[in-house]
Amino acid sequence: MTRPPRHRPEFFIRLFFSEQDMIGPGKVALLEGIARSGSISAAGREMGMSYKRAWMLVETLNGMFRAPLVESARGGAGGGGATLTDTGRQVLALFREIEAAAAEVNTERLAALREMLADAPPGNNG
């Protein structure tokens, strides 16, 4: 998977709740993929990760919180699938709100850092 060139600083947040419990861009993207596709395996494929890795991350996320974030149904004749629970949707929304608020507060600082980069033309603060 080829990524488009980045023209301005990106802001990533990873929240560490403990040494084992953390959530960041990868787990959040997986949750968004599950919400969009209704499938853990499809969400993993979108991200270029194995089925096993996607399931392991879902199990990790489900174990981190009091209530699971993802509910899944086994495949078979009726087909399987996965959905975010109310807790999953809430965790996803809160993470995105934290990320957006932090990026907004730091807009000028990010622009100042961009100006200092060796490959940035003067006056092009992104």
N, C-alpha and C. Protein backbone atom coordinates (compact mmCIF):
# COMPACT_ATOMS: atom_id res chain seq x y z
N MET A 1 0.85 -1.17 0.00
CA MET A 1 0.00 0.00 0.00
C MET A 1 0.90 1.24 0.00
N THR A 2 0.72 2.12 -0.99
CA THR A 2 1.52 3.32 -1.10
C THR A 2 0.76 4.48 -0.49
N ARG A 3 1.47 5.23 0.33
CA ARG A 3 0.82 6.38 0.96
C ARG A 3 1.07 7.63 0.12
N PRO A 4 0.09 8.53 0.08
CA PRO A 4 0.29 9.79 -0.64
C PRO A 4 1.32 10.65 0.10
N PRO A 5 1.99 11.54 -0.63
CA PRO A 5 2.95 12.40 0.07
C PRO A 5 2.26 13.27 1.10
N ARG A 6 2.96 13.53 2.18
CA ARG A 6 2.40 14.36 3.25
C ARG A 6 2.89 15.78 3.07
N HIS A 7 1.95 16.71 3.06
CA HIS A 7 2.30 18.10 2.81
C HIS A 7 2.27 18.97 4.05
N ARG A 8 1.82 18.41 5.15
CA ARG A 8 1.84 19.17 6.39
C ARG A 8 2.07 18.21 7.54
N PRO A 9 2.49 18.73 8.67
CA PRO A 9 2.78 17.82 9.79
C PRO A 9 1.53 17.03 10.18
N GLU A 10 1.75 15.80 10.52
CA GLU A 10 0.66 14.97 11.02
C GLU A 10 0.81 14.87 12.52
N PHE A 11 -0.31 14.70 13.16
CA PHE A 11 -0.34 14.67 14.61
C PHE A 11 -0.93 13.33 15.03
N PHE A 12 -0.13 12.52 15.67
CA PHE A 12 -0.59 11.22 16.14
C PHE A 12 -0.56 11.20 17.66
N ILE A 13 -1.55 10.56 18.23
CA ILE A 13 -1.59 10.41 19.68
C ILE A 13 -1.68 8.92 20.00
N ARG A 14 -0.93 8.51 20.97
CA ARG A 14 -1.03 7.16 21.51
C ARG A 14 -1.24 7.33 23.01
N LEU A 15 -2.31 6.76 23.51
CA LEU A 15 -2.64 6.86 24.92
C LEU A 15 -2.19 5.59 25.63
N PHE A 16 -1.37 5.76 26.65
CA PHE A 16 -0.88 4.65 27.45
C PHE A 16 -1.63 4.67 28.78
N PHE A 17 -2.43 3.64 29.00
CA PHE A 17 -3.16 3.52 30.25
C PHE A 17 -2.35 2.72 31.27
N SER A 18 -1.50 1.84 30.75
CA SER A 18 -0.57 1.05 31.55
C SER A 18 0.49 0.55 30.58
N GLU A 19 1.43 -0.23 31.08
CA GLU A 19 2.45 -0.77 30.18
C GLU A 19 1.86 -1.68 29.11
N GLN A 20 0.77 -2.35 29.43
CA GLN A 20 0.15 -3.26 28.47
C GLN A 20 -1.01 -2.63 27.70
N ASP A 21 -1.68 -1.68 28.31
CA ASP A 21 -2.91 -1.13 27.74
C ASP A 21 -2.66 0.22 27.09
N MET A 22 -2.76 0.22 25.76
CA MET A 22 -2.59 1.46 25.02
C MET A 22 -3.48 1.44 23.78
N ILE A 23 -3.79 2.63 23.32
CA ILE A 23 -4.57 2.75 22.09
C ILE A 23 -3.99 3.92 21.30
N GLY A 24 -3.84 3.69 20.01
CA GLY A 24 -3.25 4.70 19.15
C GLY A 24 -3.80 4.58 17.74
N PRO A 25 -3.09 5.14 16.77
CA PRO A 25 -3.60 5.20 15.39
C PRO A 25 -3.96 3.84 14.79
N GLY A 26 -3.17 2.81 15.05
CA GLY A 26 -3.43 1.50 14.45
C GLY A 26 -4.70 0.86 14.97
N LYS A 27 -4.86 0.82 16.27
CA LYS A 27 -6.06 0.21 16.85
C LYS A 27 -7.30 1.02 16.51
N VAL A 28 -7.16 2.33 16.48
CA VAL A 28 -8.29 3.19 16.13
C VAL A 28 -8.69 2.97 14.66
N ALA A 29 -7.70 2.87 13.78
CA ALA A 29 -7.99 2.60 12.36
C ALA A 29 -8.68 1.24 12.20
N LEU A 30 -8.27 0.25 13.00
CA LEU A 30 -8.91 -1.06 12.94
C LEU A 30 -10.38 -0.95 13.38
N LEU A 31 -10.63 -0.23 14.48
CA LEU A 31 -12.01 -0.04 14.92
C LEU A 31 -12.84 0.66 13.85
N GLU A 32 -12.29 1.68 13.23
CA GLU A 32 -13.01 2.38 12.16
C GLU A 32 -13.28 1.45 10.98
N GLY A 33 -12.31 0.61 10.65
CA GLY A 33 -12.50 -0.35 9.56
C GLY A 33 -13.58 -1.36 9.86
N ILE A 34 -13.64 -1.81 11.10
CA ILE A 34 -14.69 -2.75 11.51
C ILE A 34 -16.05 -2.07 11.43
N ALA A 35 -16.13 -0.83 11.90
CA ALA A 35 -17.39 -0.09 11.83
C ALA A 35 -17.85 0.08 10.38
N ARG A 36 -16.91 0.33 9.50
CA ARG A 36 -17.21 0.57 8.09
C ARG A 36 -17.58 -0.73 7.36
N SER A 37 -16.81 -1.80 7.60
CA SER A 37 -16.96 -3.02 6.80
C SER A 37 -17.84 -4.08 7.45
N GLY A 38 -18.00 -4.01 8.77
CA GLY A 38 -18.75 -5.05 9.47
C GLY A 38 -17.98 -6.36 9.57
N SER A 39 -16.64 -6.26 9.44
CA SER A 39 -15.83 -7.47 9.44
C SER A 39 -14.44 -7.19 10.00
N ILE A 40 -13.99 -8.03 10.91
CA ILE A 40 -12.63 -7.89 11.45
C ILE A 40 -11.61 -8.23 10.37
N SER A 41 -11.86 -9.30 9.61
CA SER A 41 -10.89 -9.69 8.59
C SER A 41 -10.82 -8.65 7.47
N ALA A 42 -11.94 -8.09 7.06
CA ALA A 42 -11.93 -7.07 6.00
C ALA A 42 -11.21 -5.81 6.48
N ALA A 43 -11.45 -5.43 7.73
CA ALA A 43 -10.77 -4.26 8.28
C ALA A 43 -9.27 -4.50 8.33
N GLY A 44 -8.86 -5.69 8.73
CA GLY A 44 -7.44 -6.03 8.75
C GLY A 44 -6.84 -6.00 7.36
N ARG A 45 -7.54 -6.57 6.38
CA ARG A 45 -7.05 -6.55 4.99
C ARG A 45 -6.86 -5.13 4.49
N GLU A 46 -7.81 -4.24 4.80
CA GLU A 46 -7.68 -2.83 4.39
C GLU A 46 -6.38 -2.23 4.90
N MET A 47 -5.95 -2.68 6.06
CA MET A 47 -4.75 -2.13 6.70
C MET A 47 -3.50 -2.93 6.35
N GLY A 48 -3.65 -3.99 5.56
CA GLY A 48 -2.51 -4.81 5.19
C GLY A 48 -2.02 -5.70 6.31
N MET A 49 -2.91 -6.08 7.21
CA MET A 49 -2.51 -6.95 8.32
C MET A 49 -3.21 -8.30 8.19
N SER A 50 -2.60 -9.29 8.78
CA SER A 50 -3.15 -10.64 8.72
C SER A 50 -4.43 -10.72 9.55
N TYR A 51 -5.22 -11.73 9.22
CA TYR A 51 -6.44 -12.02 9.96
C TYR A 51 -6.11 -12.25 11.43
N LYS A 52 -5.06 -13.03 11.67
CA LYS A 52 -4.67 -13.35 13.05
C LYS A 52 -4.30 -12.08 13.82
N ARG A 53 -3.53 -11.20 13.20
CA ARG A 53 -3.11 -9.96 13.86
C ARG A 53 -4.33 -9.08 14.18
N ALA A 54 -5.25 -8.96 13.23
CA ALA A 54 -6.46 -8.16 13.46
C ALA A 54 -7.26 -8.72 14.64
N TRP A 55 -7.42 -10.04 14.69
CA TRP A 55 -8.14 -10.67 15.80
C TRP A 55 -7.43 -10.46 17.12
N MET A 56 -6.10 -10.55 17.11
CA MET A 56 -5.34 -10.34 18.35
C MET A 56 -5.54 -8.92 18.87
N LEU A 57 -5.54 -7.95 17.96
CA LEU A 57 -5.75 -6.56 18.38
C LEU A 57 -7.16 -6.36 18.93
N VAL A 58 -8.15 -6.98 18.31
CA VAL A 58 -9.53 -6.88 18.81
C VAL A 58 -9.62 -7.50 20.20
N GLU A 59 -9.00 -8.65 20.39
CA GLU A 59 -9.02 -9.28 21.71
C GLU A 59 -8.34 -8.39 22.74
N THR A 60 -7.23 -7.75 22.35
CA THR A 60 -6.54 -6.82 23.25
C THR A 60 -7.45 -5.65 23.62
N LEU A 61 -8.08 -5.06 22.62
CA LEU A 61 -8.99 -3.93 22.87
C LEU A 61 -10.15 -4.36 23.76
N ASN A 62 -10.73 -5.50 23.47
CA ASN A 62 -11.86 -5.97 24.27
C ASN A 62 -11.46 -6.23 25.71
N GLY A 63 -10.22 -6.63 25.93
CA GLY A 63 -9.75 -6.89 27.28
C GLY A 63 -9.35 -5.65 28.05
N MET A 64 -9.12 -4.55 27.35
CA MET A 64 -8.67 -3.32 28.00
C MET A 64 -9.78 -2.59 28.75
N PHE A 65 -10.98 -2.70 28.29
CA PHE A 65 -12.09 -1.93 28.83
C PHE A 65 -13.06 -2.83 29.59
N ARG A 66 -13.88 -2.23 30.43
CA ARG A 66 -14.84 -3.00 31.23
C ARG A 66 -15.82 -3.78 30.36
N ALA A 67 -16.19 -3.18 29.24
CA ALA A 67 -17.10 -3.83 28.30
C ALA A 67 -16.38 -3.97 26.97
N PRO A 68 -16.70 -5.00 26.19
CA PRO A 68 -16.02 -5.17 24.90
C PRO A 68 -16.31 -4.03 23.94
N LEU A 69 -15.36 -3.79 23.05
CA LEU A 69 -15.53 -2.74 22.03
C LEU A 69 -16.09 -3.32 20.74
N VAL A 70 -15.82 -4.60 20.51
CA VAL A 70 -16.23 -5.27 19.27
C VAL A 70 -16.97 -6.55 19.63
N GLU A 71 -18.10 -6.76 18.98
CA GLU A 71 -18.82 -8.04 19.08
C GLU A 71 -18.73 -8.71 17.73
N SER A 72 -18.51 -10.02 17.75
CA SER A 72 -18.40 -10.74 16.48
C SER A 72 -19.31 -11.95 16.49
N ALA A 73 -19.69 -12.36 15.28
CA ALA A 73 -20.49 -13.58 15.08
C ALA A 73 -19.70 -14.48 14.16
N ARG A 74 -19.68 -15.76 14.47
CA ARG A 74 -18.95 -16.73 13.65
C ARG A 74 -19.54 -16.77 12.25
N GLY A 75 -18.67 -17.08 11.30
CA GLY A 75 -19.12 -17.26 9.91
C GLY A 75 -19.89 -18.55 9.77
N GLY A 76 -20.18 -18.89 8.57
CA GLY A 76 -20.95 -20.11 8.32
C GLY A 76 -22.04 -19.82 7.32
N ALA A 77 -23.09 -20.62 7.35
CA ALA A 77 -24.16 -20.47 6.36
C ALA A 77 -24.79 -19.08 6.40
N GLY A 78 -25.00 -18.56 7.61
CA GLY A 78 -25.60 -17.24 7.74
C GLY A 78 -24.59 -16.11 7.63
N GLY A 79 -23.32 -16.45 7.52
CA GLY A 79 -22.29 -15.43 7.44
C GLY A 79 -21.94 -14.91 8.82
N GLY A 80 -20.74 -14.43 8.94
CA GLY A 80 -20.28 -13.88 10.21
C GLY A 80 -20.35 -12.37 10.16
N GLY A 81 -19.58 -11.76 10.98
CA GLY A 81 -19.53 -10.31 10.97
C GLY A 81 -19.08 -9.78 12.31
N ALA A 82 -18.88 -8.49 12.34
CA ALA A 82 -18.46 -7.83 13.58
C ALA A 82 -19.03 -6.43 13.59
N THR A 83 -19.33 -5.97 14.78
CA THR A 83 -19.83 -4.60 14.95
C THR A 83 -19.18 -3.99 16.19
N LEU A 84 -19.12 -2.67 16.19
CA LEU A 84 -18.69 -1.98 17.39
C LEU A 84 -19.86 -1.95 18.36
N THR A 85 -19.55 -2.14 19.61
CA THR A 85 -20.56 -2.00 20.66
C THR A 85 -20.74 -0.52 20.96
N ASP A 86 -21.70 -0.20 21.81
CA ASP A 86 -21.85 1.20 22.24
C ASP A 86 -20.55 1.69 22.87
N THR A 87 -19.91 0.85 23.67
CA THR A 87 -18.64 1.22 24.29
C THR A 87 -17.58 1.44 23.22
N GLY A 88 -17.55 0.59 22.22
CA GLY A 88 -16.59 0.74 21.12
C GLY A 88 -16.77 2.05 20.39
N ARG A 89 -18.02 2.40 20.10
CA ARG A 89 -18.29 3.68 19.41
C ARG A 89 -17.90 4.86 20.30
N GLN A 90 -18.14 4.73 21.60
CA GLN A 90 -17.80 5.80 22.53
C GLN A 90 -16.29 5.97 22.65
N VAL A 91 -15.56 4.85 22.78
CA VAL A 91 -14.09 4.92 22.86
C VAL A 91 -13.53 5.55 21.59
N LEU A 92 -14.03 5.14 20.45
CA LEU A 92 -13.58 5.68 19.17
C LEU A 92 -13.84 7.19 19.09
N ALA A 93 -15.04 7.60 19.46
CA ALA A 93 -15.38 9.03 19.42
C ALA A 93 -14.53 9.84 20.39
N LEU A 94 -14.33 9.33 21.59
CA LEU A 94 -13.53 10.06 22.58
C LEU A 94 -12.08 10.18 22.12
N PHE A 95 -11.53 9.11 21.56
CA PHE A 95 -10.15 9.17 21.06
C PHE A 95 -10.03 10.23 19.97
N ARG A 96 -10.95 10.24 19.02
CA ARG A 96 -10.90 11.22 17.92
C ARG A 96 -11.09 12.65 18.45
N GLU A 97 -11.91 12.82 19.47
CA GLU A 97 -12.09 14.15 20.08
C GLU A 97 -10.80 14.61 20.76
N ILE A 98 -10.14 13.74 21.48
CA ILE A 98 -8.87 14.07 22.13
C ILE A 98 -7.84 14.46 21.07
N GLU A 99 -7.76 13.67 20.02
CA GLU A 99 -6.82 13.91 18.93
C GLU A 99 -7.08 15.26 18.26
N ALA A 100 -8.34 15.55 17.96
CA ALA A 100 -8.68 16.81 17.29
C ALA A 100 -8.40 18.01 18.18
N ALA A 101 -8.73 17.90 19.46
CA ALA A 101 -8.48 19.01 20.39
C ALA A 101 -6.98 19.27 20.54
N ALA A 102 -6.19 18.21 20.63
CA ALA A 102 -4.74 18.38 20.77
C ALA A 102 -4.14 18.99 19.51
N ALA A 103 -4.60 18.57 18.34
CA ALA A 103 -4.09 19.12 17.09
C ALA A 103 -4.47 20.59 16.97
N GLU A 104 -5.70 20.93 17.35
CA GLU A 104 -6.15 22.32 17.26
C GLU A 104 -5.32 23.24 18.16
N VAL A 105 -5.09 22.81 19.38
CA VAL A 105 -4.32 23.61 20.33
C VAL A 105 -2.88 23.81 19.86
N ASN A 106 -2.38 22.86 19.07
CA ASN A 106 -0.98 22.90 18.66
C ASN A 106 -0.76 23.32 17.21
N THR A 107 -1.75 23.89 16.56
CA THR A 107 -1.64 24.29 15.16
C THR A 107 -0.43 25.19 14.91
N GLU A 108 -0.29 26.24 15.72
CA GLU A 108 0.83 27.17 15.52
C GLU A 108 2.17 26.52 15.80
N ARG A 109 2.25 25.70 16.81
CA ARG A 109 3.51 25.00 17.13
C ARG A 109 3.91 24.05 16.00
N LEU A 110 2.92 23.33 15.46
CA LEU A 110 3.20 22.43 14.34
C LEU A 110 3.68 23.21 13.12
N ALA A 111 3.05 24.36 12.86
CA ALA A 111 3.47 25.19 11.74
C ALA A 111 4.89 25.71 11.95
N ALA A 112 5.22 26.11 13.18
CA ALA A 112 6.57 26.59 13.48
C ALA A 112 7.60 25.48 13.28
N LEU A 113 7.28 24.28 13.70
CA LEU A 113 8.20 23.16 13.48
C LEU A 113 8.38 22.88 11.99
N ARG A 114 7.28 22.95 11.24
CA ARG A 114 7.35 22.71 9.78
C ARG A 114 8.26 23.74 9.13
N GLU A 115 8.18 24.97 9.56
CA GLU A 115 9.03 26.05 9.02
C GLU A 115 10.50 25.76 9.24
N MET A 116 10.81 25.04 10.29
CA MET A 116 12.21 24.78 10.64
C MET A 116 12.79 23.57 9.91
N LEU A 117 11.97 22.81 9.21
CA LEU A 117 12.46 21.63 8.50
C LEU A 117 13.35 22.04 7.33
N ALA A 118 14.34 21.23 7.06
CA ALA A 118 15.30 21.53 6.00
C ALA A 118 14.65 21.61 4.63
N ASP A 119 13.62 20.82 4.37
CA ASP A 119 13.01 20.80 3.04
C ASP A 119 11.81 21.74 2.90
N ALA A 120 11.55 22.58 3.90
CA ALA A 120 10.40 23.48 3.85
C ALA A 120 10.81 24.81 3.26
N PRO A 121 10.10 25.25 2.21
CA PRO A 121 10.40 26.57 1.67
C PRO A 121 9.98 27.65 2.67
N PRO A 122 10.73 28.75 2.78
CA PRO A 122 10.38 29.82 3.73
C PRO A 122 8.96 30.31 3.46
N GLY A 123 8.22 30.56 4.53
CA GLY A 123 6.87 31.09 4.42
C GLY A 123 5.82 30.05 4.11
N ASN A 124 6.21 28.79 3.94
CA ASN A 124 5.25 27.72 3.65
C ASN A 124 5.02 26.91 4.91
N ASN A 125 4.12 27.39 5.76
CA ASN A 125 3.91 26.72 7.03
C ASN A 125 2.82 25.66 6.98
N GLY A 126 2.57 25.11 5.82
CA GLY A 126 1.70 23.95 5.69
C GLY A 126 0.27 24.27 5.73
